[in-house]
PDB file of N, CA and C in Angstrom:
ATOM      1  N   MET A   1      -8.989 -24.683  35.911  1.00  0.00           N
ATOM      2  CA  MET A   1      -7.839 -23.877  35.529  1.00  0.00           C
ATOM      3  C   MET A   1      -7.442 -24.100  34.104  1.00  0.00           C
ATOM      4  N   LEU A   2      -7.556 -25.359  33.637  1.00  0.00           N
ATOM      5  CA  LEU A   2      -7.223 -25.679  32.242  1.00  0.00           C
ATOM      6  C   LEU A   2      -8.200 -25.018  31.302  1.00  0.00           C
ATOM      7  N   LYS A   3      -9.517 -24.943  31.699  1.00  0.00           N
ATOM      8  CA  LYS A   3     -10.508 -24.304  30.848  1.00  0.00           C
ATOM      9  C   LYS A   3     -10.212 -22.796  30.736  1.00  0.00           C
ATOM     10  N   GLU A   4      -9.812 -22.210  31.843  1.00  0.00           N
ATOM     11  CA  GLU A   4      -9.451 -20.755  31.851  1.00  0.00           C
ATOM     12  C   GLU A   4      -8.301 -20.486  30.952  1.00  0.00           C
ATOM     13  N   PHE A   5      -7.254 -21.354  31.055  1.00  0.00           N
ATOM     14  CA  PHE A   5      -6.089 -21.177  30.176  1.00  0.00           C
ATOM     15  C   PHE A   5      -6.432 -21.375  28.711  1.00  0.00           C
ATOM     16  N   LYS A   6      -7.263 -22.317  28.389  1.00  0.00           N
ATOM     17  CA  LYS A   6      -7.689 -22.530  27.031  1.00  0.00           C
ATOM     18  C   LYS A   6      -8.488 -21.290  26.489  1.00  0.00           C
ATOM     19  N   ALA A   7      -9.338 -20.776  27.338  1.00  0.00           N
ATOM     20  CA  ALA A   7     -10.084 -19.581  26.931  1.00  0.00           C
ATOM     21  C   ALA A   7      -9.209 -18.378  26.736  1.00  0.00           C
ATOM     22  N   PHE A   8      -8.198 -18.263  27.591  1.00  0.00           N
ATOM     23  CA  PHE A   8      -7.232 -17.133  27.472  1.00  0.00           C
ATOM     24  C   PHE A   8      -6.408 -17.325  26.194  1.00  0.00           C
ATOM     25  N   ALA A   9      -5.855 -18.533  25.985  1.00  0.00           N
ATOM     26  CA  ALA A   9      -4.954 -18.777  24.864  1.00  0.00           C
ATOM     27  C   ALA A   9      -5.701 -18.685  23.521  1.00  0.00           C
ATOM     28  N   MET A  10      -6.983 -18.972  23.481  1.00  0.00           N
ATOM     29  CA  MET A  10      -7.687 -18.978  22.223  1.00  0.00           C
ATOM     30  C   MET A  10      -8.394 -17.646  21.913  1.00  0.00           C
ATOM     31  N   ARG A  11      -8.178 -16.636  22.780  1.00  0.00           N
ATOM     32  CA  ARG A  11      -8.695 -15.312  22.500  1.00  0.00           C
ATOM     33  C   ARG A  11      -8.106 -14.800  21.237  1.00  0.00           C
ATOM     34  N   GLY A  12      -8.823 -13.969  20.534  1.00  0.00           N
ATOM     35  CA  GLY A  12      -8.305 -13.411  19.310  1.00  0.00           C
ATOM     36  C   GLY A  12      -7.033 -12.589  19.462  1.00  0.00           C
ATOM     37  N   ASN A  13      -6.933 -11.850  20.541  1.00  0.00           N
ATOM     38  CA  ASN A  13      -5.803 -10.935  20.748  1.00  0.00           C
ATOM     39  C   ASN A  13      -4.496 -11.762  20.964  1.00  0.00           C
ATOM     40  N   VAL A  14      -4.608 -12.860  21.698  1.00  0.00           N
ATOM     41  CA  VAL A  14      -3.416 -13.632  22.014  1.00  0.00           C
ATOM     42  C   VAL A  14      -2.879 -14.328  20.717  1.00  0.00           C
ATOM     43  N   VAL A  15      -3.880 -14.857  19.933  1.00  0.00           N
ATOM     44  CA  VAL A  15      -3.491 -15.523  18.684  1.00  0.00           C
ATOM     45  C   VAL A  15      -2.906 -14.519  17.704  1.00  0.00           C
ATOM     46  N   ASP A  16      -3.505 -13.324  17.631  1.00  0.00           N
ATOM     47  CA  ASP A  16      -2.975 -12.275  16.759  1.00  0.00           C
ATOM     48  C   ASP A  16      -1.574 -11.868  17.173  1.00  0.00           C
ATOM     49  N   LEU A  17      -1.339 -11.803  18.488  1.00  0.00           N
ATOM     50  CA  LEU A  17      -0.032 -11.415  19.002  1.00  0.00           C
ATOM     51  C   LEU A  17       0.992 -12.510  18.599  1.00  0.00           C
ATOM     52  N   ALA A  18       0.599 -13.760  18.771  1.00  0.00           N
ATOM     53  CA  ALA A  18       1.533 -14.868  18.433  1.00  0.00           C
ATOM     54  C   ALA A  18       1.905 -14.847  16.955  1.00  0.00           C
ATOM     55  N   ILE A  19       0.904 -14.637  16.121  1.00  0.00           N
ATOM     56  CA  ILE A  19       1.181 -14.505  14.674  1.00  0.00           C
ATOM     57  C   ILE A  19       2.075 -13.349  14.368  1.00  0.00           C
ATOM     58  N   GLY A  20       1.835 -12.213  15.032  1.00  0.00           N
ATOM     59  CA  GLY A  20       2.694 -11.060  14.824  1.00  0.00           C
ATOM     60  C   GLY A  20       4.137 -11.302  15.255  1.00  0.00           C
ATOM     61  N   VAL A  21       4.327 -12.026  16.360  1.00  0.00           N
ATOM     62  CA  VAL A  21       5.691 -12.359  16.770  1.00  0.00           C
ATOM     63  C   VAL A  21       6.368 -13.217  15.772  1.00  0.00           C
ATOM     64  N   ILE A  22       5.690 -14.211  15.303  1.00  0.00           N
ATOM     65  CA  ILE A  22       6.297 -15.183  14.320  1.00  0.00           C
ATOM     66  C   ILE A  22       6.643 -14.435  13.044  1.00  0.00           C
ATOM     67  N   ILE A  23       5.710 -13.593  12.525  1.00  0.00           N
ATOM     68  CA  ILE A  23       6.012 -12.869  11.319  1.00  0.00           C
ATOM     69  C   ILE A  23       7.100 -11.850  11.572  1.00  0.00           C
ATOM     70  N   GLY A  24       7.154 -11.239  12.731  1.00  0.00           N
ATOM     71  CA  GLY A  24       8.219 -10.297  13.075  1.00  0.00           C
ATOM     72  C   GLY A  24       9.604 -10.986  13.065  1.00  0.00           C
ATOM     73  N   ALA A  25       9.648 -12.153  13.641  1.00  0.00           N
ATOM     74  CA  ALA A  25      10.912 -12.923  13.656  1.00  0.00           C
ATOM     75  C   ALA A  25      11.367 -13.188  12.236  1.00  0.00           C
ATOM     76  N   ALA A  26      10.472 -13.648  11.379  1.00  0.00           N
ATOM     77  CA  ALA A  26      10.789 -13.955  10.001  1.00  0.00           C
ATOM     78  C   ALA A  26      11.232 -12.671   9.272  1.00  0.00           C
ATOM     79  N   PHE A  27      10.556 -11.585   9.558  1.00  0.00           N
ATOM     80  CA  PHE A  27      10.879 -10.306   8.914  1.00  0.00           C
ATOM     81  C   PHE A  27      12.271  -9.860   9.411  1.00  0.00           C
ATOM     82  N   GLY A  28      12.580 -10.066  10.639  1.00  0.00           N
ATOM     83  CA  GLY A  28      13.903  -9.731  11.181  1.00  0.00           C
ATOM     84  C   GLY A  28      15.051 -10.495  10.436  1.00  0.00           C
ATOM     85  N   LYS A  29      14.791 -11.737  10.125  1.00  0.00           N
ATOM     86  CA  LYS A  29      15.796 -12.517   9.394  1.00  0.00           C
ATOM     87  C   LYS A  29      15.949 -11.951   7.985  1.00  0.00           C
ATOM     88  N   ILE A  30      14.845 -11.529   7.389  1.00  0.00           N
ATOM     89  CA  ILE A  30      14.947 -10.978   6.017  1.00  0.00           C
ATOM     90  C   ILE A  30      15.746  -9.659   6.074  1.00  0.00           C
ATOM     91  N   VAL A  31      15.459  -8.826   7.088  1.00  0.00           N
ATOM     92  CA  VAL A  31      16.179  -7.573   7.164  1.00  0.00           C
ATOM     93  C   VAL A  31      17.679  -7.802   7.456  1.00  0.00           C
ATOM     94  N   SER A  32      18.021  -8.779   8.319  1.00  0.00           N
ATOM     95  CA  SER A  32      19.415  -9.096   8.584  1.00  0.00           C
ATOM     96  C   SER A  32      20.138  -9.507   7.351  1.00  0.00           C
ATOM     97  N   SER A  33      19.441 -10.375   6.571  1.00  0.00           N
ATOM     98  CA  SER A  33      20.042 -10.852   5.339  1.00  0.00           C
ATOM     99  C   SER A  33      20.215  -9.675   4.348  1.00  0.00           C
ATOM    100  N   PHE A  34      19.251  -8.747   4.321  1.00  0.00           N
ATOM    101  CA  PHE A  34      19.327  -7.610   3.431  1.00  0.00           C
ATOM    102  C   PHE A  34      20.520  -6.768   3.766  1.00  0.00           C
ATOM    103  N   ILE A  35      20.719  -6.558   5.107  1.00  0.00           N
ATOM    104  CA  ILE A  35      21.863  -5.744   5.546  1.00  0.00           C
ATOM    105  C   ILE A  35      23.189  -6.432   5.195  1.00  0.00           C
ATOM    106  N   GLU A  36      23.291  -7.693   5.548  1.00  0.00           N
ATOM    107  CA  GLU A  36      24.565  -8.428   5.385  1.00  0.00           C
ATOM    108  C   GLU A  36      24.892  -8.707   3.909  1.00  0.00           C
ATOM    109  N   ASP A  37      23.854  -9.035   3.118  1.00  0.00           N
ATOM    110  CA  ASP A  37      24.112  -9.487   1.771  1.00  0.00           C
ATOM    111  C   ASP A  37      23.916  -8.391   0.690  1.00  0.00           C
ATOM    112  N   VAL A  38      23.211  -7.336   1.061  1.00  0.00           N
ATOM    113  CA  VAL A  38      23.000  -6.306   0.008  1.00  0.00           C
ATOM    114  C   VAL A  38      23.624  -4.920   0.442  1.00  0.00           C
ATOM    115  N   ILE A  39      23.161  -4.427   1.556  1.00  0.00           N
ATOM    116  CA  ILE A  39      23.616  -3.094   1.952  1.00  0.00           C
ATOM    117  C   ILE A  39      25.115  -3.033   2.201  1.00  0.00           C
ATOM    118  N   THR A  40      25.575  -3.976   3.019  1.00  0.00           N
ATOM    119  CA  THR A  40      27.031  -3.937   3.339  1.00  0.00           C
ATOM    120  C   THR A  40      27.886  -4.054   2.104  1.00  0.00           C
ATOM    121  N   PRO A  41      27.663  -5.060   1.236  1.00  0.00           N
ATOM    122  CA  PRO A  41      28.549  -5.129   0.069  1.00  0.00           C
ATOM    123  C   PRO A  41      28.423  -3.921  -0.859  1.00  0.00           C
ATOM    124  N   LEU A  42      27.231  -3.408  -1.046  1.00  0.00           N
ATOM    125  CA  LEU A  42      27.083  -2.337  -1.997  1.00  0.00           C
ATOM    126  C   LEU A  42      27.516  -0.944  -1.458  1.00  0.00           C
ATOM    127  N   LEU A  43      27.073  -0.594  -0.270  1.00  0.00           N
ATOM    128  CA  LEU A  43      27.317   0.720   0.228  1.00  0.00           C
ATOM    129  C   LEU A  43      28.538   0.877   1.127  1.00  0.00           C
ATOM    130  N   LEU A  44      28.776  -0.170   1.925  1.00  0.00           N
ATOM    131  CA  LEU A  44      29.838  -0.087   2.925  1.00  0.00           C
ATOM    132  C   LEU A  44      31.185  -0.727   2.466  1.00  0.00           C
ATOM    133  N   LYS A  45      31.184  -1.342   1.309  1.00  0.00           N
ATOM    134  CA  LYS A  45      32.339  -2.051   0.860  1.00  0.00           C
ATOM    135  C   LYS A  45      33.631  -1.206   0.837  1.00  0.00           C
ATOM    136  N   PRO A  46      33.608  -0.001   0.324  1.00  0.00           N
ATOM    137  CA  PRO A  46      34.804   0.794   0.314  1.00  0.00           C
ATOM    138  C   PRO A  46      35.332   1.079   1.727  1.00  0.00           C
ATOM    139  N   ALA A  47      34.443   1.386   2.638  1.00  0.00           N
ATOM    140  CA  ALA A  47      34.882   1.653   4.045  1.00  0.00           C
ATOM    141  C   ALA A  47      35.422   0.373   4.666  1.00  0.00           C
ATOM    142  N   LEU A  48      34.763  -0.731   4.411  1.00  0.00           N
ATOM    143  CA  LEU A  48      35.279  -1.996   4.993  1.00  0.00           C
ATOM    144  C   LEU A  48      36.606  -2.446   4.399  1.00  0.00           C
ATOM    145  N   GLU A  49      36.768  -2.225   3.076  1.00  0.00           N
ATOM    146  CA  GLU A  49      38.038  -2.537   2.421  1.00  0.00           C
ATOM    147  C   GLU A  49      39.191  -1.673   3.010  1.00  0.00           C
ATOM    148  N   ALA A  50      38.869  -0.387   3.255  1.00  0.00           N
ATOM    149  CA  ALA A  50      39.912   0.481   3.824  1.00  0.00           C
ATOM    150  C   ALA A  50      40.315   0.006   5.263  1.00  0.00           C
ATOM    151  N   ALA A  51      39.358  -0.604   5.952  1.00  0.00           N
ATOM    152  CA  ALA A  51      39.662  -1.109   7.315  1.00  0.00           C
ATOM    153  C   ALA A  51      40.141  -2.561   7.239  1.00  0.00           C
ATOM    154  N   HIS A  52      40.310  -3.139   6.056  1.00  0.00           N
ATOM    155  CA  HIS A  52      40.771  -4.491   5.851  1.00  0.00           C
ATOM    156  C   HIS A  52      39.786  -5.513   6.525  1.00  0.00           C
ATOM    157  N   LEU A  53      38.452  -5.267   6.286  1.00  0.00           N
ATOM    158  CA  LEU A  53      37.485  -6.180   6.861  1.00  0.00           C
ATOM    159  C   LEU A  53      36.554  -6.644   5.735  1.00  0.00           C
ATOM    160  N   SER A  54      35.860  -7.772   6.013  1.00  0.00           N
ATOM    161  CA  SER A  54      34.890  -8.257   5.048  1.00  0.00           C
ATOM    162  C   SER A  54      33.476  -8.046   5.514  1.00  0.00           C
ATOM    163  N   ARG A  55      33.214  -7.925   6.834  1.00  0.00           N
ATOM    164  CA  ARG A  55      31.872  -7.685   7.362  1.00  0.00           C
ATOM    165  C   ARG A  55      31.914  -6.587   8.352  1.00  0.00           C
ATOM    166  N   ILE A  56      30.742  -5.904   8.429  1.00  0.00           N
ATOM    167  CA  ILE A  56      30.684  -4.742   9.368  1.00  0.00           C
ATOM    168  C   ILE A  56      30.756  -5.214  10.788  1.00  0.00           C
ATOM    169  N   GLU A  57      30.325  -6.414  11.084  1.00  0.00           N
ATOM    170  CA  GLU A  57      30.333  -6.924  12.460  1.00  0.00           C
ATOM    171  C   GLU A  57      31.774  -7.092  12.988  1.00  0.00           C
ATOM    172  N   GLU A  58      32.771  -7.122  12.132  1.00  0.00           N
ATOM    173  CA  GLU A  58      34.174  -7.324  12.552  1.00  0.00           C
ATOM    174  C   GLU A  58      34.835  -6.032  13.017  1.00  0.00           C
ATOM    175  N   LEU A  59      34.148  -4.883  12.856  1.00  0.00           N
ATOM    176  CA  LEU A  59      34.727  -3.639  13.341  1.00  0.00           C
ATOM    177  C   LEU A  59      34.900  -3.634  14.806  1.00  0.00           C
ATOM    178  N   THR A  60      36.088  -3.291  15.295  1.00  0.00           N
ATOM    179  CA  THR A  60      36.382  -3.266  16.741  1.00  0.00           C
ATOM    180  C   THR A  60      37.168  -2.007  17.014  1.00  0.00           C
ATOM    181  N   ALA A  61      37.150  -1.620  18.301  1.00  0.00           N
ATOM    182  CA  ALA A  61      37.975  -0.496  18.746  1.00  0.00           C
ATOM    183  C   ALA A  61      38.438  -0.786  20.195  1.00  0.00           C
ATOM    184  N   PHE A  62      39.529  -0.125  20.558  1.00  0.00           N
ATOM    185  CA  PHE A  62      40.063  -0.232  21.899  1.00  0.00           C
ATOM    186  C   PHE A  62      40.357  -1.724  22.264  1.00  0.00           C
ATOM    187  N   GLY A  63      40.808  -2.484  21.327  1.00  0.00           N
ATOM    188  CA  GLY A  63      41.188  -3.832  21.618  1.00  0.00           C
ATOM    189  C   GLY A  63      40.087  -4.807  21.843  1.00  0.00           C
ATOM    190  N   GLY A  64      38.930  -4.606  21.332  1.00  0.00           N
ATOM    191  CA  GLY A  64      37.888  -5.624  21.467  1.00  0.00           C
ATOM    192  C   GLY A  64      36.498  -5.128  21.542  1.00  0.00           C
ATOM    193  N   VAL A  65      36.250  -3.852  21.608  1.00  0.00           N
ATOM    194  CA  VAL A  65      34.864  -3.322  21.638  1.00  0.00           C
ATOM    195  C   VAL A  65      34.288  -3.478  20.257  1.00  0.00           C
ATOM    196  N   LYS A  66      33.314  -4.298  20.139  1.00  0.00           N
ATOM    197  CA  LYS A  66      32.725  -4.601  18.810  1.00  0.00           C
ATOM    198  C   LYS A  66      31.575  -3.574  18.449  1.00  0.00           C
ATOM    199  N   TYR A  67      32.040  -2.452  18.009  1.00  0.00           N
ATOM    200  CA  TYR A  67      31.041  -1.432  17.626  1.00  0.00           C
ATOM    201  C   TYR A  67      30.447  -1.706  16.254  1.00  0.00           C
ATOM    202  N   GLY A  68      31.044  -2.623  15.515  1.00  0.00           N
ATOM    203  CA  GLY A  68      30.499  -3.038  14.234  1.00  0.00           C
ATOM    204  C   GLY A  68      29.130  -3.750  14.417  1.00  0.00           C
ATOM    205  N   MET A  69      29.035  -4.541  15.474  1.00  0.00           N
ATOM    206  CA  MET A  69      27.784  -5.212  15.787  1.00  0.00           C
ATOM    207  C   MET A  69      26.694  -4.184  16.093  1.00  0.00           C
ATOM    208  N   PHE A  70      27.158  -3.136  16.832  1.00  0.00           N
ATOM    209  CA  PHE A  70      26.181  -2.061  17.170  1.00  0.00           C
ATOM    210  C   PHE A  70      25.725  -1.351  15.911  1.00  0.00           C
ATOM    211  N   LEU A  71      26.670  -1.006  15.052  1.00  0.00           N
ATOM    212  CA  LEU A  71      26.300  -0.310  13.760  1.00  0.00           C
ATOM    213  C   LEU A  71      25.345  -1.190  12.949  1.00  0.00           C
ATOM    214  N   SER A  72      25.622  -2.468  12.902  1.00  0.00           N
ATOM    215  CA  SER A  72      24.747  -3.349  12.168  1.00  0.00           C
ATOM    216  C   SER A  72      23.365  -3.352  12.752  1.00  0.00           C
ATOM    217  N   SER A  73      23.246  -3.410  14.087  1.00  0.00           N
ATOM    218  CA  SER A  73      21.936  -3.396  14.713  1.00  0.00           C
ATOM    219  C   SER A  73      21.221  -2.037  14.466  1.00  0.00           C
ATOM    220  N   VAL A  74      21.960  -0.956  14.459  1.00  0.00           N
ATOM    221  CA  VAL A  74      21.340   0.345  14.213  1.00  0.00           C
ATOM    222  C   VAL A  74      20.815   0.403  12.789  1.00  0.00           C
ATOM    223  N   ILE A  75      21.559  -0.110  11.809  1.00  0.00           N
ATOM    224  CA  ILE A  75      21.120  -0.122  10.448  1.00  0.00           C
ATOM    225  C   ILE A  75      19.862  -1.005  10.314  1.00  0.00           C
ATOM    226  N   ASN A  76      19.872  -2.185  10.954  1.00  0.00           N
ATOM    227  CA  ASN A  76      18.731  -3.044  10.974  1.00  0.00           C
ATOM    228  C   ASN A  76      17.501  -2.383  11.525  1.00  0.00           C
ATOM    229  N   PHE A  77      17.639  -1.654  12.652  1.00  0.00           N
ATOM    230  CA  PHE A  77      16.542  -0.974  13.229  1.00  0.00           C
ATOM    231  C   PHE A  77      16.008   0.110  12.342  1.00  0.00           C
ATOM    232  N   ILE A  78      16.847   0.877  11.719  1.00  0.00           N
ATOM    233  CA  ILE A  78      16.385   1.970  10.861  1.00  0.00           C
ATOM    234  C   ILE A  78      15.597   1.376   9.643  1.00  0.00           C
ATOM    235  N   ILE A  79      16.077   0.291   9.058  1.00  0.00           N
ATOM    236  CA  ILE A  79      15.336  -0.338   7.978  1.00  0.00           C
ATOM    237  C   ILE A  79      14.017  -0.871   8.401  1.00  0.00           C
ATOM    238  N   VAL A  80      13.996  -1.582   9.558  1.00  0.00           N
ATOM    239  CA  VAL A  80      12.727  -2.148  10.031  1.00  0.00           C
ATOM    240  C   VAL A  80      11.764  -1.028  10.343  1.00  0.00           C
ATOM    241  N   ALA A  81      12.185   0.041  11.026  1.00  0.00           N
ATOM    242  CA  ALA A  81      11.316   1.180  11.346  1.00  0.00           C
ATOM    243  C   ALA A  81      10.785   1.803  10.099  1.00  0.00           C
ATOM    244  N   PHE A  82      11.599   1.972   9.114  1.00  0.00           N
ATOM    245  CA  PHE A  82      11.154   2.606   7.850  1.00  0.00           C
ATOM    246  C   PHE A  82      10.135   1.777   7.127  1.00  0.00           C
ATOM    247  N   VAL A  83      10.406   0.438   7.053  1.00  0.00           N
ATOM    248  CA  VAL A  83       9.473  -0.433   6.387  1.00  0.00           C
ATOM    249  C   VAL A  83       8.110  -0.482   7.096  1.00  0.00           C
ATOM    250  N   LEU A  84       8.167  -0.575   8.426  1.00  0.00           N
ATOM    251  CA  LEU A  84       6.927  -0.533   9.184  1.00  0.00           C
ATOM    252  C   LEU A  84       6.201   0.753   9.018  1.00  0.00           C
ATOM    253  N   PHE A  85       6.890   1.875   8.950  1.00  0.00           N
ATOM    254  CA  PHE A  85       6.283   3.184   8.697  1.00  0.00           C
ATOM    255  C   PHE A  85       5.553   3.163   7.368  1.00  0.00           C
ATOM    256  N   LEU A  86       6.184   2.611   6.294  1.00  0.00           N
ATOM    257  CA  LEU A  86       5.592   2.528   5.009  1.00  0.00           C
ATOM    258  C   LEU A  86       4.345   1.624   4.995  1.00  0.00           C
ATOM    259  N   ILE A  87       4.464   0.491   5.732  1.00  0.00           N
ATOM    260  CA  ILE A  87       3.324  -0.435   5.802  1.00  0.00           C
ATOM    261  C   ILE A  87       2.131   0.240   6.511  1.00  0.00           C
ATOM    262  N   ILE A  88       2.353   0.879   7.662  1.00  0.00           N
ATOM    263  CA  ILE A  88       1.276   1.528   8.378  1.00  0.00           C
ATOM    264  C   ILE A  88       0.697   2.697   7.564  1.00  0.00           C
ATOM    265  N   LYS A  89       1.558   3.429   6.898  1.00  0.00           N
ATOM    266  CA  LYS A  89       1.063   4.531   6.073  1.00  0.00           C
ATOM    267  C   LYS A  89       0.177   4.028   4.964  1.00  0.00           C
ATOM    268  N   GLY A  90       0.577   2.923   4.308  1.00  0.00           N
ATOM    269  CA  GLY A  90      -0.223   2.308   3.274  1.00  0.00           C
ATOM    270  C   GLY A  90      -1.551   1.792   3.814  1.00  0.00           C
ATOM    271  N   MET A  91      -1.507   1.145   4.973  1.00  0.00           N
ATOM    272  CA  MET A  91      -2.773   0.600   5.573  1.00  0.00           C
ATOM    273  C   MET A  91      -3.703   1.744   5.911  1.00  0.00           C
ATOM    274  N   ASN A  92      -3.156   2.855   6.470  1.00  0.00           N
ATOM    275  CA  ASN A  92      -4.036   3.983   6.784  1.00  0.00           C
ATOM    276  C   ASN A  92      -4.615   4.606   5.578  1.00  0.00           C
ATOM    277  N   ALA A  93      -3.875   4.679   4.483  1.00  0.00           N
ATOM    278  CA  ALA A  93      -4.389   5.241   3.222  1.00  0.00           C
ATOM    279  C   ALA A  93      -5.441   4.346   2.675  1.00  0.00           C
ATOM    280  N   ALA A  94      -5.274   3.024   2.754  1.00  0.00           N
ATOM    281  CA  ALA A  94      -6.264   2.072   2.216  1.00  0.00           C
ATOM    282  C   ALA A  94      -7.529   2.139   3.089  1.00  0.00           C
ATOM    283  N   LYS A  95      -7.354   2.291   4.389  1.00  0.00           N
ATOM    284  CA  LYS A  95      -8.468   2.332   5.317  1.00  0.00           C
ATOM    285  C   LYS A  95      -9.361   3.569   5.076  1.00  0.00           C
ATOM    286  N   LYS A  96      -8.732   4.704   4.792  1.00  0.00           N
ATOM    287  CA  LYS A  96      -9.455   5.923   4.557  1.00  0.00           C
ATOM    288  C   LYS A  96     -10.269   5.809   3.217  1.00  0.00           C
ATOM    289  N   LYS A  97      -9.704   5.083   2.252  1.00  0.00           N
ATOM    290  CA  LYS A  97     -10.460   4.939   1.005  1.00  0.00           C
ATOM    291  C   LYS A  97     -11.597   3.943   1.127  1.00  0.00           C
ATOM    292  N   ASP A  98     -11.421   2.929   1.995  1.00  0.00           N
ATOM    293  CA  ASP A  98     -12.502   1.924   2.157  1.00  0.00           C
ATOM    294  C   ASP A  98     -13.663   2.414   2.968  1.00  0.00           C
ATOM    295  N   GLU A  99     -13.491   3.375   3.859  1.00  0.00           N
ATOM    296  CA  GLU A  99     -14.560   3.860   4.665  1.00  0.00           C
ATOM    297  C   GLU A  99     -15.167   5.133   4.091  1.00  0.00           C
ATOM    298  N   PRO A 100     -16.291   4.973   3.358  1.00  0.00           N
ATOM    299  CA  PRO A 100     -16.891   6.224   2.783  1.00  0.00           C
ATOM    300  C   PRO A 100     -17.570   6.982   3.929  1.00  0.00           C
ATOM    301  N   ALA A 101     -17.608   8.295   3.727  1.00  0.00           N
ATOM    302  CA  ALA A 101     -18.281   9.139   4.709  1.00  0.00           C
ATOM    303  C   ALA A 101     -19.735   8.791   4.780  1.00  0.00           C
ATOM    304  N   PRO A 102     -20.289   8.713   5.963  1.00  0.00           N
ATOM    305  CA  PRO A 102     -21.742   8.406   6.079  1.00  0.00           C
ATOM    306  C   PRO A 102     -22.539   9.527   5.406  1.00  0.00           C
ATOM    307  N   ALA A 103     -23.489   9.114   4.583  1.00  0.00           N
ATOM    308  CA  ALA A 103     -24.337  10.042   3.944  1.00  0.00           C
ATOM    309  C   ALA A 103     -25.345  10.617   4.902  1.00  0.00           C
ATOM    310  N   ALA A 104     -25.570  11.895   4.838  1.00  0.00           N
ATOM    311  CA  ALA A 104     -26.555  12.565   5.652  1.00  0.00           C
ATOM    312  C   ALA A 104     -27.906  12.198   5.092  1.00  0.00           C
ATOM    313  N   PRO A 105     -28.846  11.967   6.049  1.00  0.00           N
ATOM    314  CA  PRO A 105     -30.183  11.652   5.573  1.00  0.00           C
ATOM    315  C   PRO A 105     -30.825  12.874   4.849  1.00  0.00           C
ATOM    316  N   ALA A 106     -31.517  12.551   3.824  1.00  0.00           N
ATOM    317  CA  ALA A 106     -32.128  13.649   3.060  1.00  0.00           C
ATOM    318  C   ALA A 106     -33.168  14.366   3.896  1.00  0.00           C
ATOM    319  N   ALA A 107     -33.132  15.665   3.833  1.00  0.00           N
ATOM    320  CA  ALA A 107     -34.102  16.500   4.577  1.00  0.00           C
ATOM    321  C   ALA A 107     -35.481  16.399   3.902  1.00  0.00           C
ATOM    322  N   PRO A 108     -36.510  16.276   4.686  1.00  0.00           N
ATOM    323  CA  PRO A 108     -37.829  16.204   4.068  1.00  0.00           C
ATOM    324  C   PRO A 108     -38.190  17.535   3.356  1.00  0.00           C
ATOM    325  N   THR A 109     -38.940  17.406   2.296  1.00  0.00           N
ATOM    326  CA  THR A 109     -39.335  18.566   1.562  1.00  0.00           C
ATOM    327  C   THR A 109     -40.449  19.309   2.277  1.00  0.00           C
ATOM    328  N   LYS A 110     -40.732  20.514   1.857  1.00  0.00           N
ATOM    329  CA  LYS A 110     -41.787  21.325   2.494  1.00  0.00           C
ATOM    330  C   LYS A 110     -43.159  20.633   2.344  1.00  0.00           C
ATOM    331  N   GLU A 111     -43.344  20.006   1.209  1.00  0.00           N
ATOM    332  CA  GLU A 111     -44.605  19.311   0.995  1.00  0.00           C
ATOM    333  C   GLU A 111     -44.777  18.126   1.953  1.00  0.00           C
ATOM    334  N   GLU A 112     -43.683  17.344   2.187  1.00  0.00           N
ATOM    335  CA  GLU A 112     -43.779  16.251   3.101  1.00  0.00           C
ATOM    336  C   GLU A 112     -44.041  16.730   4.540  1.00  0.00           C
ATOM    337  N   LEU A 113     -43.396  17.833   4.930  1.00  0.00           N
ATOM    338  CA  LEU A 113     -43.651  18.307   6.278  1.00  0.00           C
ATOM    339  C   LEU A 113     -45.114  18.826   6.421  1.00  0.00           C
ATOM    340  N   LEU A 114     -45.588  19.540   5.420  1.00  0.00           N
ATOM    341  CA  LEU A 114     -46.984  20.004   5.466  1.00  0.00           C
ATOM    342  C   LEU A 114     -47.958  18.831   5.503  1.00  0.00           C
ATOM    343  N   THR A 115     -47.655  17.757   4.733  1.00  0.00           N
ATOM    344  CA  THR A 115     -48.518  16.596   4.711  1.00  0.00           C
ATOM    345  C   THR A 115     -48.536  15.910   6.096  1.00  0.00           C
ATOM    346  N   GLU A 116     -47.370  15.846   6.734  1.00  0.00           N
ATOM    347  CA  GLU A 116     -47.352  15.257   8.084  1.00  0.00           C
ATOM    348  C   GLU A 116     -48.116  16.063   9.109  1.00  0.00           C
ATOM    349  N   ILE A 117     -47.945  17.368   9.019  1.00  0.00           N
ATOM    350  CA  ILE A 117     -48.686  18.260   9.928  1.00  0.00           C
ATOM    351  C   ILE A 117     -50.210  18.101   9.705  1.00  0.00           C
ATOM    352  N   ARG A 118     -50.604  18.088   8.424  1.00  0.00           N
ATOM    353  CA  ARG A 118     -52.031  17.892   8.134  1.00  0.00           C
ATOM    354  C   ARG A 118     -52.569  16.626   8.663  1.00  0.00           C
ATOM    355  N   ASP A 119     -51.791  15.504   8.484  1.00  0.00           N
ATOM    356  CA  ASP A 119     -52.270  14.217   8.990  1.00  0.00           C
ATOM    357  C   ASP A 119     -52.338  14.164  10.510  1.00  0.00           C
ATOM    358  N   LEU A 120     -51.411  14.822  11.164  1.00  0.00           N
ATOM    359  CA  LEU A 120     -51.449  14.888  12.625  1.00  0.00           C
ATOM    360  C   LEU A 120     -52.670  15.705  13.147  1.00  0.00           C
ATOM    361  N   LEU A 121     -52.925  16.785  12.413  1.00  0.00           N
ATOM    362  CA  LEU A 121     -54.104  17.598  12.848  1.00  0.00           C
ATOM    363  C   LEU A 121     -55.398  16.880  12.614  1.00  0.00           C
ATOM    364  N   LYS A 122     -55.508  16.060  11.529  1.00  0.00           N
ATOM    365  CA  LYS A 122     -56.687  15.309  11.292  1.00  0.00           C
ATOM    366  C   LYS A 122     -56.960  14.284  12.362  1.00  0.00           C
ATOM    367  N   LYS A 123     -55.860  13.680  12.901  1.00  0.00           N
ATOM    368  CA  LYS A 123     -55.984  12.645  13.925  1.00  0.00           C
ATOM    369  C   LYS A 123     -56.549  13.203  15.240  1.00  0.00           C
ATOM    370  N   LYS A 124     -56.296  14.467  15.533  1.00  0.00           N
ATOM    371  CA  LYS A 124     -56.754  15.084  16.760  1.00  0.00           C
ATOM    372  C   LYS A 124     -58.177  15.374  16.596  1.00  0.00           C
TER     373      LYS A 124
END
């Protein structure tokens, strides 16, 4: 059973998935910081000042519904989705450039075909 687990855990797909999860978590922290430290102060500051708040997460309604957290999550999602879209688009463009179209084999000339036919007739 230990051998089977080792074989499963060391497969390329499992290792790739683990690396993707780790990089995704780090990327999530970067995006959260970008939202909290750049987007909110620059773009949402006037709206937050009008509401007498310093962070978007502090927005509440109906005595405690924290819709600011939801808005922050939506903004995070949109940024992550857009960045992933750009990354995949760039990878697809690079992949198309790297894969040249397979060259069609050159068609034999009339002389080559006639030579082959002659050689085959001589063998008979």
